[in-house]
Amino acid sequence: MELDFEKLKVQGVKINYYYICKRKLWLFDKGITMEQNSDRVLSGKLIHEKSYPRLKNKEVMIDDILKLDIMQGEYIKETKISSKMPKADKMQLIYYLYYLKKLGIIKKGIINYVKEKRQEELELTKEEEINIEKTLIEINKITKMKHPPKLEKLLICTKCAYYEFCFAKEE
C-alpha cells in the first residue's frame, strides 16, 4: 500500500506531540494552544533564539509546514533544551529527514541538547521511514476524532502547558 503523503503531511510539532501525548496532539490540532502561557515553552524559545547566533540558516521554512531549526551542510539540526523526551525529539527530526527525502533532498540529522551540551546524530533508515508512515496514519486518525483521546495521567503532565486544561475538574 502506497502512502498518500500529500494528504498526511503535518507540522513537525504534531509528530513530537504524538509521541508525548495523544490528547495534547488532538487539542493542538483543534487550535487549542496553551503554549503561549507556558514558562517552559518560553524558556525553550529563548534558548533556541540565543543558540548558534552566527548561523545563517536558522528557522528554515519548508512548504509553509515545516520549520527546521538549522540547516547546515549535509545536516538538519534540531535544538532541544534537554533529552527528557528522547523518542519525541528523535521522531520529529526523523520526520524532517523523511519529509525532505520526499522532496528529493537527502540529509542527516543532529539533535542539539543545549543545556546538556551534547548532540545525537540520526540518519533516516527504511525502518524509521515505516515508523513515520505509521505515525502519520495514526495522527490522521487522532485528529479526525470527534472528541479528544481519553485523559491519561503521565509523569510529564505537571510540566505540560495543557495541565490546567486537562485537569481542571480534578481536586
Protein backbone atom coordinates (compact mmCIF):
# COMPACT_ATOMS: atom_id res chain seq x y z
CA MET A 1 0.00 0.00 0.00
CA GLU A 2 1.42 3.37 -1.06
CA LEU A 3 1.07 6.18 1.46
CA ASP A 4 -0.54 9.39 0.20
CA PHE A 5 1.99 11.71 1.79
CA GLU A 6 0.32 14.88 0.50
CA LYS A 7 -2.83 14.10 2.48
CA LEU A 8 -0.99 13.02 5.62
CA LYS A 9 1.87 15.51 5.99
CA VAL A 10 1.79 17.55 9.19
CA GLN A 11 3.80 20.07 11.17
CA GLY A 12 6.78 18.64 13.00
CA VAL A 13 5.32 19.62 16.36
CA LYS A 14 2.44 17.18 15.74
CA ILE A 15 4.93 14.33 15.39
CA ASN A 16 6.51 15.45 18.65
CA TYR A 17 3.15 15.66 20.43
CA TYR A 18 2.10 12.25 19.09
CA TYR A 19 4.99 10.69 21.00
CA ILE A 20 4.38 12.78 24.12
CA CYS A 21 0.57 12.78 24.50
CA LYS A 22 -2.19 11.95 22.01
CA ARG A 23 -4.60 14.29 23.82
CA LYS A 24 -2.17 17.20 23.51
CA LEU A 25 -1.87 16.43 19.80
CA TRP A 26 -5.65 16.49 19.34
CA LEU A 27 -6.07 19.74 21.29
CA PHE A 28 -3.26 21.44 19.37
CA ASP A 29 -4.74 20.29 16.07
CA LYS A 30 -8.09 21.86 17.02
CA GLY A 31 -6.41 25.21 17.64
CA ILE A 32 -6.46 24.91 21.42
CA THR A 33 -2.96 26.13 22.15
CA MET A 34 -1.71 26.68 25.67
CA GLU A 35 1.99 27.09 24.91
CA GLN A 36 1.84 30.89 24.99
CA ASN A 37 1.17 30.64 28.78
CA SER A 38 3.99 28.19 29.49
CA ASP A 39 7.24 29.32 31.11
CA ARG A 40 8.86 26.09 29.90
CA VAL A 41 7.90 26.81 26.28
CA LEU A 42 9.13 30.40 26.62
CA SER A 43 12.42 29.14 28.05
CA GLY A 44 12.80 26.80 25.07
CA LYS A 45 12.17 29.63 22.61
CA LEU A 46 14.74 31.84 24.31
CA ILE A 47 17.36 29.10 24.29
CA HIS A 48 16.61 28.46 20.61
CA GLU A 49 16.96 32.15 19.73
CA LYS A 50 20.22 32.56 21.67
CA SER A 51 21.80 29.33 20.43
CA TYR A 52 24.10 29.39 17.42
CA PRO A 53 23.83 33.15 16.75
CA ARG A 54 26.36 33.11 13.89
CA LEU A 55 24.49 30.57 11.77
CA LYS A 56 22.70 31.96 8.74
CA ASN A 57 20.27 29.10 8.02
CA LYS A 58 18.19 29.19 11.20
CA GLU A 59 14.43 28.61 11.13
CA VAL A 60 14.19 27.47 7.53
CA MET A 61 10.57 27.10 6.38
CA ILE A 62 9.71 24.27 4.00
CA ASP A 63 6.32 24.27 2.22
CA ASP A 64 4.83 26.55 4.92
CA ILE A 65 4.53 23.46 7.11
CA LEU A 66 7.98 22.59 8.50
CA LYS A 67 10.21 24.96 10.41
CA LEU A 68 13.68 23.49 10.55
CA ASP A 69 15.77 24.92 13.39
CA ILE A 70 19.05 24.81 11.49
CA MET A 71 20.08 23.67 8.02
CA GLN A 72 23.84 23.41 7.71
CA GLY A 73 25.64 21.45 5.03
CA GLU A 74 24.51 17.85 4.98
CA TYR A 75 22.69 18.25 8.31
CA ILE A 76 19.34 19.33 9.67
CA LYS A 77 19.77 20.30 13.30
CA GLU A 78 17.03 20.44 15.88
CA THR A 79 17.66 22.35 19.12
CA LYS A 80 16.13 20.99 22.33
CA ILE A 81 16.54 22.13 25.94
CA SER A 82 17.09 18.65 27.36
CA SER A 83 16.83 14.99 26.48
CA LYS A 84 13.85 14.28 28.77
CA MET A 85 11.67 13.21 25.83
CA PRO A 86 14.15 11.47 23.53
CA LYS A 87 11.66 9.43 21.48
CA ALA A 88 9.57 12.51 20.61
CA ASP A 89 12.70 14.52 19.78
CA LYS A 90 14.13 11.75 17.63
CA MET A 91 10.93 11.08 15.71
CA GLN A 92 10.38 14.79 15.00
CA LEU A 93 13.83 15.01 13.41
CA ILE A 94 13.35 11.68 11.61
CA TYR A 95 10.13 13.13 10.18
CA TYR A 96 12.04 16.17 8.89
CA LEU A 97 14.53 13.85 7.17
CA TYR A 98 11.66 11.78 5.74
CA TYR A 99 9.83 14.89 4.51
CA LEU A 100 12.97 16.24 2.84
CA LYS A 101 13.62 12.85 1.23
CA LYS A 102 10.12 13.06 -0.29
CA LEU A 103 11.28 16.36 -1.84
CA GLY A 104 14.42 14.67 -3.18
CA ILE A 105 16.73 16.12 -0.53
CA ILE A 106 18.86 13.68 1.44
CA LYS A 107 20.18 14.94 4.78
CA LYS A 108 21.38 13.62 8.11
CA GLY A 109 20.12 14.94 11.41
CA ILE A 110 21.56 16.17 14.68
CA ILE A 111 19.65 16.89 17.86
CA ASN A 112 21.43 19.56 19.92
CA TYR A 113 20.62 19.21 23.61
CA VAL A 114 21.75 22.70 24.58
CA LYS A 115 21.68 22.54 28.40
CA GLU A 116 23.41 19.16 28.38
CA LYS A 117 25.96 20.34 25.80
CA ARG A 118 25.63 17.15 23.79
CA GLN A 119 24.43 16.07 20.38
CA GLU A 120 22.81 13.00 18.92
CA GLU A 121 23.27 12.21 15.24
CA LEU A 122 20.49 10.47 13.30
CA GLU A 123 20.05 9.01 9.85
CA LEU A 124 16.84 8.04 8.12
CA THR A 125 16.61 4.26 7.78
CA LYS A 126 13.99 2.17 5.99
CA GLU A 127 12.69 1.05 9.40
CA GLU A 128 12.33 4.68 10.53
CA GLU A 129 10.51 5.53 7.28
CA ILE A 130 7.99 2.79 8.03
CA ASN A 131 7.61 4.09 11.62
CA ILE A 132 6.98 7.64 10.39
CA GLU A 133 4.41 6.45 7.86
CA LYS A 134 2.56 4.54 10.59
CA THR A 135 2.77 7.62 12.81
CA LEU A 136 1.30 9.83 10.08
CA ILE A 137 -1.62 7.42 9.66
CA GLU A 138 -2.21 7.38 13.44
CA ILE A 139 -2.01 11.19 13.67
CA ASN A 140 -4.60 11.43 10.90
CA LYS A 141 -6.92 9.10 12.85
CA ILE A 142 -6.46 11.06 16.08
CA THR A 143 -7.03 14.47 14.51
CA LYS A 144 -10.23 13.23 12.85
CA MET A 145 -11.70 12.08 16.16
CA LYS A 146 -14.80 13.97 17.28
CA HIS A 147 -13.60 14.12 20.90
CA PRO A 148 -10.10 14.21 22.39
CA PRO A 149 -8.43 10.97 23.40
CA LYS A 150 -9.11 9.87 26.96
CA LEU A 151 -7.06 11.68 29.58
CA GLU A 152 -4.04 9.70 30.74
CA LYS A 153 -2.04 10.77 33.77
CA LEU A 154 1.56 10.76 32.63
CA LEU A 155 4.70 11.67 34.57
CA ILE A 156 5.16 14.73 32.36
CA CYS A 157 1.64 16.12 32.86
CA THR A 158 2.55 18.55 35.65
CA LYS A 159 5.07 20.30 33.38
CA CYS A 160 2.77 20.39 30.36
CA ALA A 161 1.28 23.65 29.05
CA TYR A 162 -2.10 21.86 28.88
CA TYR A 163 -2.04 20.67 32.51
CA GLU A 164 -4.68 23.09 33.83
CA PHE A 165 -6.88 22.46 30.81
CA CYS A 166 -6.78 18.69 31.20
CA PHE A 167 -7.03 18.57 34.99
CA ALA A 168 -9.43 21.47 35.65
CA LYS A 169 -12.05 19.15 37.20
CA GLU A 170 -9.54 17.27 39.34
CA GLU A 171 -9.29 18.01 43.04
